[in-house]
Amino acid sequence: DISAYTSDAMADFKPEDFDVVISCCGCGSKLDGDKAAWKQRPVFMDWNLDDPPAIDPGDLSAYRRVRDESKAKVWELLKTVV
């Protein structure tokens, strides 16, 4: 159950505290200048997932699909880093 989790701003964190960084909506291409350090972590991936609110904010099936895609990608990632 992930209902208690929130989305937090990157500015709240330091890149050097992370070994794995995932960009989810194609935002990796925007990590330039002072944000470039995020792409220089040992593992950086840009999964380019759909952004459900951009599809239809009221369509929960889009959120569920992206959730399921994310879960599958996390499981695949765990196989390679553990």
C-alpha atoms as a PDB file:
ATOM      1  CA  ASP A   1       0.000   0.000   0.000  1.00  0.00           C
ATOM      2  CA  ILE A   2       1.621   3.264  -1.135  1.00  0.00           C
ATOM      3  CA  SER A   3      -1.254   5.588  -0.238  1.00  0.00           C
ATOM      4  CA  ALA A   4       0.739   7.311   2.520  1.00  0.00           C
ATOM      5  CA  TYR A   5       3.651   8.250   0.268  1.00  0.00           C
ATOM      6  CA  THR A   6       4.065  11.655  -1.348  1.00  0.00           C
ATOM      7  CA  SER A   7       5.905  13.139  -4.278  1.00  0.00           C
ATOM      8  CA  ASP A   8       8.704  15.390  -3.044  1.00  0.00           C
ATOM      9  CA  ALA A   9      10.743  18.033  -4.838  1.00  0.00           C
ATOM     10  CA  MET A  10      14.271  17.177  -5.964  1.00  0.00           C
ATOM     11  CA  ALA A  11      15.448  20.341  -4.235  1.00  0.00           C
ATOM     12  CA  ASP A  12      14.764  18.585  -0.922  1.00  0.00           C
ATOM     13  CA  PHE A  13      17.498  16.009  -1.629  1.00  0.00           C
ATOM     14  CA  LYS A  14      21.202  15.799  -2.541  1.00  0.00           C
ATOM     15  CA  PRO A  15      22.333  13.674  -5.515  1.00  0.00           C
ATOM     16  CA  GLU A  16      25.311  12.298  -3.594  1.00  0.00           C
ATOM     17  CA  ASP A  17      22.900  10.581  -1.176  1.00  0.00           C
ATOM     18  CA  PHE A  18      21.667   8.281  -3.963  1.00  0.00           C
ATOM     19  CA  ASP A  19      23.229   5.422  -5.919  1.00  0.00           C
ATOM     20  CA  VAL A  20      20.179   4.872  -8.139  1.00  0.00           C
ATOM     21  CA  VAL A  21      18.188   7.703  -9.735  1.00  0.00           C
ATOM     22  CA  ILE A  22      15.102   7.167 -11.883  1.00  0.00           C
ATOM     23  CA  SER A  23      13.496   9.872 -13.982  1.00  0.00           C
ATOM     24  CA  CYS A  24       9.946   8.831 -14.766  1.00  0.00           C
ATOM     25  CA  CYS A  25       8.313  11.098 -17.317  1.00  0.00           C
ATOM     26  CA  GLY A  26      11.132  11.873 -19.716  1.00  0.00           C
ATOM     27  CA  CYS A  27      12.414  14.572 -17.398  1.00  0.00           C
ATOM     28  CA  GLY A  28      15.982  13.271 -17.482  1.00  0.00           C
ATOM     29  CA  SER A  29      16.684  15.441 -20.509  1.00  0.00           C
ATOM     30  CA  LYS A  30      15.931  18.502 -18.361  1.00  0.00           C
ATOM     31  CA  LEU A  31      18.606  17.707 -15.775  1.00  0.00           C
ATOM     32  CA  ASP A  32      21.184  20.256 -16.871  1.00  0.00           C
ATOM     33  CA  GLY A  33      23.341  22.817 -15.095  1.00  0.00           C
ATOM     34  CA  ASP A  34      23.153  22.457 -11.333  1.00  0.00           C
ATOM     35  CA  LYS A  35      20.887  19.399 -11.740  1.00  0.00           C
ATOM     36  CA  ALA A  36      23.310  17.458 -13.975  1.00  0.00           C
ATOM     37  CA  ALA A  37      24.791  15.695 -10.918  1.00  0.00           C
ATOM     38  CA  TRP A  38      21.642  13.577 -10.743  1.00  0.00           C
ATOM     39  CA  LYS A  39      22.508  11.956 -14.081  1.00  0.00           C
ATOM     40  CA  GLN A  40      26.031  11.181 -12.863  1.00  0.00           C
ATOM     41  CA  ARG A  41      24.982   8.769 -10.138  1.00  0.00           C
ATOM     42  CA  PRO A  42      26.157   5.115 -10.449  1.00  0.00           C
ATOM     43  CA  VAL A  43      22.776   4.142 -11.921  1.00  0.00           C
ATOM     44  CA  PHE A  44      20.654   6.680 -13.787  1.00  0.00           C
ATOM     45  CA  MET A  45      17.634   5.657 -15.852  1.00  0.00           C
ATOM     46  CA  ASP A  46      14.952   7.648 -17.626  1.00  0.00           C
ATOM     47  CA  TRP A  47      11.905   5.413 -17.885  1.00  0.00           C
ATOM     48  CA  ASN A  48       9.793   7.879 -19.868  1.00  0.00           C
ATOM     49  CA  LEU A  49       6.501   6.728 -18.345  1.00  0.00           C
ATOM     50  CA  ASP A  50       3.228   8.367 -19.277  1.00  0.00           C
ATOM     51  CA  ASP A  51       2.047  11.193 -17.009  1.00  0.00           C
ATOM     52  CA  PRO A  52      -1.519  10.182 -16.010  1.00  0.00           C
ATOM     53  CA  PRO A  53      -2.807  13.726 -15.339  1.00  0.00           C
ATOM     54  CA  ALA A  54      -1.702  14.675 -18.854  1.00  0.00           C
ATOM     55  CA  ILE A  55      -3.777  11.804 -20.256  1.00  0.00           C
ATOM     56  CA  ASP A  56      -6.974  12.290 -18.247  1.00  0.00           C
ATOM     57  CA  PRO A  57      -6.861  13.365 -14.591  1.00  0.00           C
ATOM     58  CA  GLY A  58     -10.137  11.593 -13.868  1.00  0.00           C
ATOM     59  CA  ASP A  59      -9.191   8.284 -15.491  1.00  0.00           C
ATOM     60  CA  LEU A  60      -7.905   6.049 -12.705  1.00  0.00           C
ATOM     61  CA  SER A  61      -7.057   3.310 -15.198  1.00  0.00           C
ATOM     62  CA  ALA A  62      -4.193   5.470 -16.526  1.00  0.00           C
ATOM     63  CA  TYR A  63      -2.807   5.835 -12.994  1.00  0.00           C
ATOM     64  CA  ARG A  64      -3.125   2.102 -12.396  1.00  0.00           C
ATOM     65  CA  ARG A  65      -1.412   1.251 -15.676  1.00  0.00           C
ATOM     66  CA  VAL A  66       1.543   3.540 -14.926  1.00  0.00           C
ATOM     67  CA  ARG A  67       1.691   2.158 -11.376  1.00  0.00           C
ATOM     68  CA  ASP A  68       1.885  -1.379 -12.750  1.00  0.00           C
ATOM     69  CA  GLU A  69       4.518  -0.401 -15.338  1.00  0.00           C
ATOM     70  CA  SER A  70       6.567   1.250 -12.573  1.00  0.00           C
ATOM     71  CA  LYS A  71       6.313  -1.805 -10.368  1.00  0.00           C
ATOM     72  CA  ALA A  72       7.519  -4.098 -13.162  1.00  0.00           C
ATOM     73  CA  LYS A  73      10.451  -1.783 -13.906  1.00  0.00           C
ATOM     74  CA  VAL A  74      11.419  -1.623 -10.218  1.00  0.00           C
ATOM     75  CA  TRP A  75      11.429  -5.430  -9.997  1.00  0.00           C
ATOM     76  CA  GLU A  76      13.657  -5.612 -13.096  1.00  0.00           C
ATOM     77  CA  LEU A  77      15.972  -2.969 -11.667  1.00  0.00           C
ATOM     78  CA  LEU A  78      16.259  -4.829  -8.357  1.00  0.00           C
ATOM     79  CA  LYS A  79      17.475  -7.919 -10.224  1.00  0.00           C
ATOM     80  CA  THR A  80      20.416  -5.916 -11.558  1.00  0.00           C
ATOM     81  CA  VAL A  81      21.474  -3.906  -8.495  1.00  0.00           C
ATOM     82  CA  VAL A  82      21.043  -6.422  -5.664  1.00  0.00           C
END
